[in-house]
Amino acid sequence: QLQLVESGGGSVQAGGSLRLSCAASGYTSQYYMGWFRQAPGKERDGVASIGRDRFDRYEDSVKGRFTISRDNAVNTLYLQMNSLKPEDTAMYYCAAQRAQDYDARAPLESYAYNSWGQGTQVTVSS
């Protein structure tokens, strides 16, 4: 299990941008990774995922606005968020699962991941 620490959240106006980072304690090259978000009173939903080959997947509402990437040289996962909307307001979490245990059929499902960060808050105002 990886120790994951998110950063980069904050408060922005609609249309603005943020870049989230997730620093890992181990070799991220051995893991599939993803970003999830949870608003108050809502379920935790998948936002984006990226495999070891850098192939990425996105939840429909963020396609064209968010970009997931990874830099295995520094064991860090990123989420570039552009054109932010108030409905993007949530706590954002990064997650990881070692490749041999990963279920490729569920890249945006929380149960596919074993390691979780504590989250970073993103607030988008109108």
C-alpha atoms as a PDB file:
ATOM      1  CA  GLN A   1       0.000   0.000   0.000  1.00  0.00           C
ATOM      2  CA  LEU A   2       1.229   3.463  -0.917  1.00  0.00           C
ATOM      3  CA  GLN A   3       1.125   6.511   1.309  1.00  0.00           C
ATOM      4  CA  LEU A   4      -0.451   9.284  -0.769  1.00  0.00           C
ATOM      5  CA  VAL A   5      -0.595  13.012  -0.043  1.00  0.00           C
ATOM      6  CA  GLU A   6      -2.654  15.375  -2.181  1.00  0.00           C
ATOM      7  CA  SER A   7      -1.985  19.079  -2.582  1.00  0.00           C
ATOM      8  CA  GLY A   8      -2.902  21.962  -4.853  1.00  0.00           C
ATOM      9  CA  GLY A   9      -6.530  22.447  -3.914  1.00  0.00           C
ATOM     10  CA  GLY A  10      -8.016  25.835  -3.201  1.00  0.00           C
ATOM     11  CA  SER A  11     -10.792  28.267  -3.996  1.00  0.00           C
ATOM     12  CA  VAL A  12     -11.244  29.601  -7.514  1.00  0.00           C
ATOM     13  CA  GLN A  13     -13.921  31.308  -9.541  1.00  0.00           C
ATOM     14  CA  ALA A  14     -15.817  29.475 -12.243  1.00  0.00           C
ATOM     15  CA  GLY A  15     -13.726  29.188 -15.373  1.00  0.00           C
ATOM     16  CA  GLY A  16     -10.480  29.110 -13.448  1.00  0.00           C
ATOM     17  CA  SER A  17      -7.864  26.394 -13.213  1.00  0.00           C
ATOM     18  CA  LEU A  18      -6.130  24.329 -10.572  1.00  0.00           C
ATOM     19  CA  ARG A  19      -3.450  21.662 -10.704  1.00  0.00           C
ATOM     20  CA  LEU A  20      -3.647  18.951  -8.096  1.00  0.00           C
ATOM     21  CA  SER A  21      -0.651  16.851  -7.119  1.00  0.00           C
ATOM     22  CA  CYS A  22      -0.419  13.542  -5.331  1.00  0.00           C
ATOM     23  CA  ALA A  23       2.940  12.569  -3.889  1.00  0.00           C
ATOM     24  CA  ALA A  24       3.491   8.879  -3.222  1.00  0.00           C
ATOM     25  CA  SER A  25       5.827   7.149  -0.815  1.00  0.00           C
ATOM     26  CA  GLY A  26       6.740   4.383  -3.238  1.00  0.00           C
ATOM     27  CA  TYR A  27       7.361   3.656  -6.880  1.00  0.00           C
ATOM     28  CA  THR A  28       4.278   4.833  -8.727  1.00  0.00           C
ATOM     29  CA  SER A  29       5.491   3.092 -11.867  1.00  0.00           C
ATOM     30  CA  GLN A  30       4.246  -0.167 -10.331  1.00  0.00           C
ATOM     31  CA  TYR A  31       0.708   1.157  -9.811  1.00  0.00           C
ATOM     32  CA  TYR A  32      -2.406   2.130 -11.642  1.00  0.00           C
ATOM     33  CA  MET A  33      -3.612   5.462 -10.257  1.00  0.00           C
ATOM     34  CA  GLY A  34      -6.703   7.615 -10.250  1.00  0.00           C
ATOM     35  CA  TRP A  35      -8.444  10.702  -8.961  1.00  0.00           C
ATOM     36  CA  PHE A  36     -11.786  10.646  -7.170  1.00  0.00           C
ATOM     37  CA  ARG A  37     -13.961  13.341  -5.663  1.00  0.00           C
ATOM     38  CA  GLN A  38     -16.660  13.557  -3.044  1.00  0.00           C
ATOM     39  CA  ALA A  39     -18.995  16.454  -2.336  1.00  0.00           C
ATOM     40  CA  PRO A  40     -20.792  16.757   1.030  1.00  0.00           C
ATOM     41  CA  GLY A  41     -23.607  14.235   1.228  1.00  0.00           C
ATOM     42  CA  LYS A  42     -22.583  12.609  -2.045  1.00  0.00           C
ATOM     43  CA  GLU A  43     -20.865   9.375  -2.970  1.00  0.00           C
ATOM     44  CA  ARG A  44     -17.214   9.233  -3.893  1.00  0.00           C
ATOM     45  CA  ASP A  45     -17.014   9.220  -7.683  1.00  0.00           C
ATOM     46  CA  GLY A  46     -14.214   8.480 -10.091  1.00  0.00           C
ATOM     47  CA  VAL A  47     -12.821  11.431 -12.028  1.00  0.00           C
ATOM     48  CA  ALA A  48      -9.886  10.088 -14.004  1.00  0.00           C
ATOM     49  CA  SER A  49      -7.480   7.177 -14.101  1.00  0.00           C
ATOM     50  CA  ILE A  50      -4.138   6.431 -15.701  1.00  0.00           C
ATOM     51  CA  GLY A  51      -2.326   3.184 -16.262  1.00  0.00           C
ATOM     52  CA  ARG A  52       1.332   2.323 -16.326  1.00  0.00           C
ATOM     53  CA  ASP A  53       1.317   2.897 -20.089  1.00  0.00           C
ATOM     54  CA  ARG A  54      -0.201   6.375 -19.516  1.00  0.00           C
ATOM     55  CA  PHE A  55      -3.517   5.429 -21.117  1.00  0.00           C
ATOM     56  CA  ASP A  56      -6.114   7.588 -19.403  1.00  0.00           C
ATOM     57  CA  ARG A  57      -9.856   7.483 -18.808  1.00  0.00           C
ATOM     58  CA  TYR A  58     -12.224  10.215 -17.658  1.00  0.00           C
ATOM     59  CA  GLU A  59     -15.639  10.610 -16.166  1.00  0.00           C
ATOM     60  CA  ASP A  60     -17.909  12.145 -18.792  1.00  0.00           C
ATOM     61  CA  SER A  61     -18.483  15.461 -17.023  1.00  0.00           C
ATOM     62  CA  VAL A  62     -14.763  16.321 -16.959  1.00  0.00           C
ATOM     63  CA  LYS A  63     -13.745  15.205 -20.445  1.00  0.00           C
ATOM     64  CA  GLY A  64     -12.066  18.015 -22.322  1.00  0.00           C
ATOM     65  CA  ARG A  65     -11.508  19.993 -19.127  1.00  0.00           C
ATOM     66  CA  PHE A  66      -9.353  17.772 -16.899  1.00  0.00           C
ATOM     67  CA  THR A  67      -6.098  16.029 -17.728  1.00  0.00           C
ATOM     68  CA  ILE A  68      -4.520  13.300 -15.637  1.00  0.00           C
ATOM     69  CA  SER A  69      -0.787  12.700 -15.854  1.00  0.00           C
ATOM     70  CA  ARG A  70       2.009  11.099 -13.913  1.00  0.00           C
ATOM     71  CA  ASP A  71       5.716  11.615 -13.397  1.00  0.00           C
ATOM     72  CA  ASN A  72       7.139   8.356 -12.157  1.00  0.00           C
ATOM     73  CA  ALA A  73      10.585   9.924 -11.800  1.00  0.00           C
ATOM     74  CA  VAL A  74       9.277  11.837  -8.787  1.00  0.00           C
ATOM     75  CA  ASN A  75       6.473   9.409  -7.878  1.00  0.00           C
ATOM     76  CA  THR A  76       3.781  12.006  -8.400  1.00  0.00           C
ATOM     77  CA  LEU A  77       0.313  11.997  -9.940  1.00  0.00           C
ATOM     78  CA  TYR A  78      -1.285  15.164 -11.304  1.00  0.00           C
ATOM     79  CA  LEU A  79      -4.710  16.420 -12.255  1.00  0.00           C
ATOM     80  CA  GLN A  80      -4.850  19.570 -14.336  1.00  0.00           C
ATOM     81  CA  MET A  81      -8.321  21.070 -14.020  1.00  0.00           C
ATOM     82  CA  ASN A  82      -9.393  23.785 -16.438  1.00  0.00           C
ATOM     83  CA  SER A  83     -12.702  25.551 -17.022  1.00  0.00           C
ATOM     84  CA  LEU A  84     -13.796  24.707 -13.508  1.00  0.00           C
ATOM     85  CA  LYS A  85     -17.477  24.761 -12.664  1.00  0.00           C
ATOM     86  CA  PRO A  86     -19.245  25.119  -9.303  1.00  0.00           C
ATOM     87  CA  GLU A  87     -20.344  21.492  -9.594  1.00  0.00           C
ATOM     88  CA  ASP A  88     -16.669  20.486  -9.498  1.00  0.00           C
ATOM     89  CA  THR A  89     -16.574  21.572  -5.850  1.00  0.00           C
ATOM     90  CA  ALA A  90     -15.550  18.557  -3.779  1.00  0.00           C
ATOM     91  CA  MET A  91     -12.823  16.925  -1.784  1.00  0.00           C
ATOM     92  CA  TYR A  92     -10.446  15.350  -4.285  1.00  0.00           C
ATOM     93  CA  TYR A  93      -8.611  12.134  -3.494  1.00  0.00           C
ATOM     94  CA  CYS A  94      -5.881  10.277  -5.285  1.00  0.00           C
ATOM     95  CA  ALA A  95      -5.807   6.515  -5.281  1.00  0.00           C
ATOM     96  CA  ALA A  96      -3.525   3.708  -6.363  1.00  0.00           C
ATOM     97  CA  GLN A  97      -3.561  -0.026  -6.908  1.00  0.00           C
ATOM     98  CA  ARG A  98      -0.605  -2.231  -7.728  1.00  0.00           C
ATOM     99  CA  ALA A  99      -0.699  -3.490 -11.273  1.00  0.00           C
ATOM    100  CA  GLN A 100      -1.014  -7.177 -10.439  1.00  0.00           C
ATOM    101  CA  ASP A 101      -4.162  -6.520  -8.365  1.00  0.00           C
ATOM    102  CA  TYR A 102      -5.777  -3.948 -10.616  1.00  0.00           C
ATOM    103  CA  ASP A 103      -9.144  -4.579 -12.230  1.00  0.00           C
ATOM    104  CA  ALA A 104      -8.878  -2.911 -15.619  1.00  0.00           C
ATOM    105  CA  ARG A 105     -12.627  -3.263 -16.106  1.00  0.00           C
ATOM    106  CA  ALA A 106     -13.300  -0.711 -13.350  1.00  0.00           C
ATOM    107  CA  PRO A 107     -10.796   2.143 -13.654  1.00  0.00           C
ATOM    108  CA  LEU A 108     -13.205   4.730 -12.213  1.00  0.00           C
ATOM    109  CA  GLU A 109     -14.613   2.583  -9.418  1.00  0.00           C
ATOM    110  CA  SER A 110     -13.329   3.107  -5.902  1.00  0.00           C
ATOM    111  CA  TYR A 111     -13.188  -0.621  -5.173  1.00  0.00           C
ATOM    112  CA  ALA A 112     -10.493  -1.014  -7.819  1.00  0.00           C
ATOM    113  CA  TYR A 113      -8.026   0.885  -5.617  1.00  0.00           C
ATOM    114  CA  ASN A 114      -6.304  -0.051  -2.394  1.00  0.00           C
ATOM    115  CA  SER A 115      -4.345   3.085  -1.432  1.00  0.00           C
ATOM    116  CA  TRP A 116      -5.933   6.449  -0.701  1.00  0.00           C
ATOM    117  CA  GLY A 117      -4.803   9.930   0.239  1.00  0.00           C
ATOM    118  CA  GLN A 118      -6.536  12.189   2.745  1.00  0.00           C
ATOM    119  CA  GLY A 119      -7.839  14.569   0.099  1.00  0.00           C
ATOM    120  CA  THR A 120      -7.494  18.181  -0.941  1.00  0.00           C
ATOM    121  CA  GLN A 121     -10.434  20.561  -1.072  1.00  0.00           C
ATOM    122  CA  VAL A 122     -11.458  22.239  -4.316  1.00  0.00           C
ATOM    123  CA  THR A 123     -14.057  24.987  -4.128  1.00  0.00           C
ATOM    124  CA  VAL A 124     -15.374  26.695  -7.257  1.00  0.00           C
ATOM    125  CA  SER A 125     -17.531  29.768  -6.848  1.00  0.00           C
ATOM    126  CA  SER A 126     -19.879  31.347  -9.367  1.00  0.00           C
END
